[in-house]
Amino acid sequence: MKIPDLNDLMQDLQLAKQIAIDERNPNAVVIATMSQAKLLSLDRPVIKDVVADDVTTLNDLISEIVSDKQKRAAFNERLEYVRNEY
């Protein structure tokens, strides 16, 4: 018996996700998606390096942070929409 590699695991989770979509089971879709994200290490926070040369003022730094929060908020809105659709 062969030990599954990352590609095998991703394919299995994609199949599980498709079955969950077909069965209209949003919880299973989210679990399969999060499992894929974990396998790809996308579930960890991204630590953004800020180089002093890139940020000339405190206002620039705040703008960068707000931009990240807005992206996160937009993602959360989309996730909620998907959950409500299924």
N, C-alpha and C. Protein backbone atom coordinates (compact mmCIF):
# COMPACT_ATOMS: atom_id res chain seq x y z
N MET A 1 0.84 -1.18 0.00
CA MET A 1 0.00 0.00 0.00
C MET A 1 0.89 1.24 0.00
N LYS A 2 0.59 2.13 -0.89
CA LYS A 2 1.36 3.35 -1.05
C LYS A 2 0.87 4.43 -0.07
N ILE A 3 1.80 5.15 0.51
CA ILE A 3 1.45 6.27 1.39
C ILE A 3 1.03 7.44 0.49
N PRO A 4 -0.13 8.04 0.77
CA PRO A 4 -0.58 9.14 -0.09
C PRO A 4 0.34 10.36 0.01
N ASP A 5 0.53 11.02 -1.12
CA ASP A 5 1.31 12.25 -1.10
C ASP A 5 0.34 13.44 -1.07
N LEU A 6 0.88 14.63 -1.08
CA LEU A 6 0.07 15.84 -0.98
C LEU A 6 -0.97 15.90 -2.11
N ASN A 7 -0.56 15.57 -3.31
CA ASN A 7 -1.46 15.60 -4.45
C ASN A 7 -2.63 14.64 -4.25
N ASP A 8 -2.35 13.44 -3.76
CA ASP A 8 -3.41 12.46 -3.50
C ASP A 8 -4.40 12.99 -2.47
N LEU A 9 -3.88 13.57 -1.41
CA LEU A 9 -4.73 14.09 -0.35
C LEU A 9 -5.60 15.25 -0.85
N MET A 10 -4.99 16.12 -1.66
CA MET A 10 -5.76 17.24 -2.21
C MET A 10 -6.86 16.74 -3.13
N GLN A 11 -6.57 15.73 -3.94
CA GLN A 11 -7.59 15.16 -4.83
C GLN A 11 -8.73 14.54 -4.03
N ASP A 12 -8.40 13.82 -2.97
CA ASP A 12 -9.42 13.21 -2.12
C ASP A 12 -10.31 14.28 -1.48
N LEU A 13 -9.69 15.34 -1.00
CA LEU A 13 -10.46 16.42 -0.38
C LEU A 13 -11.31 17.16 -1.41
N GLN A 14 -10.79 17.31 -2.61
CA GLN A 14 -11.57 17.96 -3.67
C GLN A 14 -12.80 17.11 -4.00
N LEU A 15 -12.62 15.79 -4.05
CA LEU A 15 -13.75 14.89 -4.29
C LEU A 15 -14.76 15.00 -3.15
N ALA A 16 -14.28 15.01 -1.92
CA ALA A 16 -15.16 15.15 -0.76
C ALA A 16 -15.92 16.47 -0.81
N LYS A 17 -15.23 17.52 -1.23
CA LYS A 17 -15.86 18.83 -1.34
C LYS A 17 -16.95 18.82 -2.41
N GLN A 18 -16.68 18.17 -3.54
CA GLN A 18 -17.67 18.11 -4.61
C GLN A 18 -18.91 17.32 -4.16
N ILE A 19 -18.68 16.24 -3.44
CA ILE A 19 -19.81 15.46 -2.92
C ILE A 19 -20.62 16.31 -1.95
N ALA A 20 -19.93 17.06 -1.09
CA ALA A 20 -20.62 17.93 -0.14
C ALA A 20 -21.44 19.00 -0.86
N ILE A 21 -20.89 19.54 -1.94
CA ILE A 21 -21.62 20.54 -2.73
C ILE A 21 -22.86 19.90 -3.35
N ASP A 22 -22.68 18.73 -3.94
CA ASP A 22 -23.81 18.02 -4.57
C ASP A 22 -24.89 17.68 -3.55
N GLU A 23 -24.49 17.36 -2.33
CA GLU A 23 -25.43 17.01 -1.27
C GLU A 23 -25.96 18.24 -0.52
N ARG A 24 -25.48 19.43 -0.95
CA ARG A 24 -25.88 20.70 -0.32
C ARG A 24 -25.61 20.69 1.18
N ASN A 25 -24.37 20.32 1.53
CA ASN A 25 -23.94 20.23 2.91
C ASN A 25 -22.84 21.27 3.14
N PRO A 26 -23.22 22.51 3.49
CA PRO A 26 -22.22 23.58 3.60
C PRO A 26 -21.16 23.33 4.66
N ASN A 27 -21.52 22.67 5.75
CA ASN A 27 -20.55 22.39 6.80
C ASN A 27 -19.43 21.50 6.26
N ALA A 28 -19.80 20.49 5.50
CA ALA A 28 -18.79 19.59 4.93
C ALA A 28 -17.94 20.31 3.89
N VAL A 29 -18.54 21.25 3.14
CA VAL A 29 -17.77 22.03 2.16
C VAL A 29 -16.70 22.85 2.89
N VAL A 30 -17.11 23.50 3.98
CA VAL A 30 -16.17 24.32 4.74
C VAL A 30 -15.06 23.46 5.34
N ILE A 31 -15.43 22.32 5.88
CA ILE A 31 -14.42 21.44 6.48
C ILE A 31 -13.42 20.96 5.43
N ALA A 32 -13.91 20.55 4.26
CA ALA A 32 -13.00 20.09 3.20
C ALA A 32 -12.10 21.22 2.73
N THR A 33 -12.68 22.42 2.60
CA THR A 33 -11.89 23.58 2.16
C THR A 33 -10.82 23.93 3.19
N MET A 34 -11.20 23.93 4.46
CA MET A 34 -10.23 24.24 5.51
C MET A 34 -9.15 23.16 5.59
N SER A 35 -9.52 21.92 5.35
CA SER A 35 -8.52 20.84 5.35
C SER A 35 -7.51 21.04 4.22
N GLN A 36 -8.00 21.46 3.06
CA GLN A 36 -7.08 21.75 1.95
C GLN A 36 -6.17 22.92 2.33
N ALA A 37 -6.74 23.95 2.92
CA ALA A 37 -5.93 25.11 3.33
C ALA A 37 -4.86 24.70 4.33
N LYS A 38 -5.21 23.83 5.25
CA LYS A 38 -4.22 23.37 6.24
C LYS A 38 -3.10 22.59 5.57
N LEU A 39 -3.45 21.72 4.63
CA LEU A 39 -2.42 20.96 3.93
C LEU A 39 -1.45 21.88 3.18
N LEU A 40 -1.98 23.00 2.68
CA LEU A 40 -1.15 23.93 1.92
C LEU A 40 -0.58 25.04 2.81
N SER A 41 -0.80 24.92 4.13
CA SER A 41 -0.32 25.91 5.11
C SER A 41 -0.90 27.30 4.87
N LEU A 42 -2.12 27.35 4.34
CA LEU A 42 -2.77 28.64 4.10
C LEU A 42 -3.63 29.07 5.28
N ASP A 43 -3.67 28.26 6.31
CA ASP A 43 -4.48 28.58 7.48
C ASP A 43 -3.71 29.36 8.54
N ARG A 44 -2.47 29.63 8.25
CA ARG A 44 -1.63 30.35 9.22
C ARG A 44 -1.63 31.83 8.89
N PRO A 45 -1.53 32.67 9.92
CA PRO A 45 -1.49 34.10 9.64
C PRO A 45 -0.22 34.47 8.88
N VAL A 46 -0.35 35.41 8.01
CA VAL A 46 0.80 35.90 7.25
C VAL A 46 1.38 37.08 8.00
N ILE A 47 2.64 36.99 8.33
CA ILE A 47 3.31 38.09 9.00
C ILE A 47 3.97 38.93 7.92
N LYS A 48 3.52 40.14 7.84
CA LYS A 48 3.98 41.02 6.77
C LYS A 48 5.15 41.85 7.27
N ASP A 49 6.25 41.75 6.56
CA ASP A 49 7.41 42.57 6.90
C ASP A 49 7.19 43.98 6.38
N VAL A 50 7.46 44.93 7.22
CA VAL A 50 7.37 46.33 6.82
C VAL A 50 8.77 46.90 6.86
N VAL A 51 9.25 47.30 5.71
CA VAL A 51 10.58 47.88 5.61
C VAL A 51 10.44 49.38 5.82
N ALA A 52 11.30 49.93 6.62
CA ALA A 52 11.20 51.36 6.96
C ALA A 52 11.19 52.24 5.71
N ASP A 53 11.90 51.83 4.67
CA ASP A 53 11.94 52.63 3.45
C ASP A 53 10.58 52.67 2.75
N ASP A 54 9.78 51.58 2.92
CA ASP A 54 8.48 51.50 2.25
C ASP A 54 7.42 52.35 2.95
N VAL A 55 7.60 52.59 4.24
CA VAL A 55 6.62 53.35 5.01
C VAL A 55 7.27 54.65 5.45
N THR A 56 6.84 55.71 4.83
CA THR A 56 7.47 56.99 5.13
C THR A 56 6.79 57.71 6.29
N THR A 57 5.52 57.41 6.51
CA THR A 57 4.81 58.07 7.60
C THR A 57 3.97 57.03 8.35
N LEU A 58 3.53 57.40 9.52
CA LEU A 58 2.63 56.55 10.29
C LEU A 58 1.33 56.35 9.53
N ASN A 59 0.91 57.36 8.80
CA ASN A 59 -0.31 57.28 8.00
C ASN A 59 -0.19 56.18 6.94
N ASP A 60 0.99 56.05 6.32
CA ASP A 60 1.21 54.99 5.33
C ASP A 60 1.07 53.61 5.98
N LEU A 61 1.63 53.46 7.16
CA LEU A 61 1.56 52.19 7.87
C LEU A 61 0.11 51.85 8.21
N ILE A 62 -0.64 52.82 8.70
CA ILE A 62 -2.05 52.60 9.03
C ILE A 62 -2.83 52.24 7.77
N SER A 63 -2.53 52.87 6.67
CA SER A 63 -3.22 52.56 5.40
C SER A 63 -2.98 51.11 5.00
N GLU A 64 -1.76 50.63 5.16
CA GLU A 64 -1.47 49.22 4.85
C GLU A 64 -2.28 48.29 5.72
N ILE A 65 -2.33 48.57 7.01
CA ILE A 65 -3.05 47.72 7.96
C ILE A 65 -4.54 47.71 7.62
N VAL A 66 -5.11 48.88 7.36
CA VAL A 66 -6.53 48.98 7.04
C VAL A 66 -6.82 48.20 5.77
N SER A 67 -5.94 48.29 4.79
CA SER A 67 -6.13 47.55 3.54
C SER A 67 -6.22 46.05 3.81
N ASP A 68 -5.36 45.52 4.67
CA ASP A 68 -5.40 44.10 5.01
C ASP A 68 -6.71 43.75 5.71
N LYS A 69 -7.17 44.62 6.60
CA LYS A 69 -8.43 44.38 7.31
C LYS A 69 -9.60 44.39 6.33
N GLN A 70 -9.57 45.29 5.36
CA GLN A 70 -10.65 45.36 4.37
C GLN A 70 -10.68 44.09 3.53
N LYS A 71 -9.49 43.59 3.16
CA LYS A 71 -9.44 42.33 2.40
C LYS A 71 -10.01 41.19 3.22
N ARG A 72 -9.66 41.16 4.50
CA ARG A 72 -10.16 40.11 5.38
C ARG A 72 -11.68 40.21 5.52
N ALA A 73 -12.19 41.43 5.66
CA ALA A 73 -13.64 41.65 5.79
C ALA A 73 -14.36 41.22 4.52
N ALA A 74 -13.78 41.54 3.37
CA ALA A 74 -14.39 41.14 2.10
C ALA A 74 -14.42 39.62 1.97
N PHE A 75 -13.35 38.95 2.40
CA PHE A 75 -13.30 37.50 2.36
C PHE A 75 -14.37 36.91 3.27
N ASN A 76 -14.51 37.47 4.48
CA ASN A 76 -15.50 36.97 5.42
C ASN A 76 -16.92 37.16 4.90
N GLU A 77 -17.17 38.29 4.21
CA GLU A 77 -18.48 38.51 3.59
C GLU A 77 -18.77 37.45 2.54
N ARG A 78 -17.77 37.16 1.71
CA ARG A 78 -17.93 36.16 0.65
C ARG A 78 -18.18 34.79 1.25
N LEU A 79 -17.45 34.44 2.31
CA LEU A 79 -17.62 33.16 2.96
C LEU A 79 -19.04 33.04 3.52
N GLU A 80 -19.54 34.09 4.13
CA GLU A 80 -20.90 34.08 4.67
C GLU A 80 -21.92 33.90 3.55
N TYR A 81 -21.69 34.55 2.42
CA TYR A 81 -22.58 34.42 1.26
C TYR A 81 -22.61 32.98 0.78
N VAL A 82 -21.43 32.35 0.68
CA VAL A 82 -21.36 30.95 0.23
C VAL A 82 -22.08 30.05 1.22
N ARG A 83 -21.89 30.29 2.49
CA ARG A 83 -22.57 29.47 3.51
C ARG A 83 -24.08 29.58 3.36
N ASN A 84 -24.58 30.77 3.10
CA ASN A 84 -26.02 30.99 2.96
C ASN A 84 -26.57 30.39 1.67
N GLU A 85 -25.75 30.30 0.64
CA GLU A 85 -26.18 29.73 -0.62
C GLU A 85 -26.41 28.23 -0.52
N TYR A 86 -25.60 27.55 0.28
CA TYR A 86 -25.72 26.10 0.41
C TYR A 86 -26.60 25.82 1.58
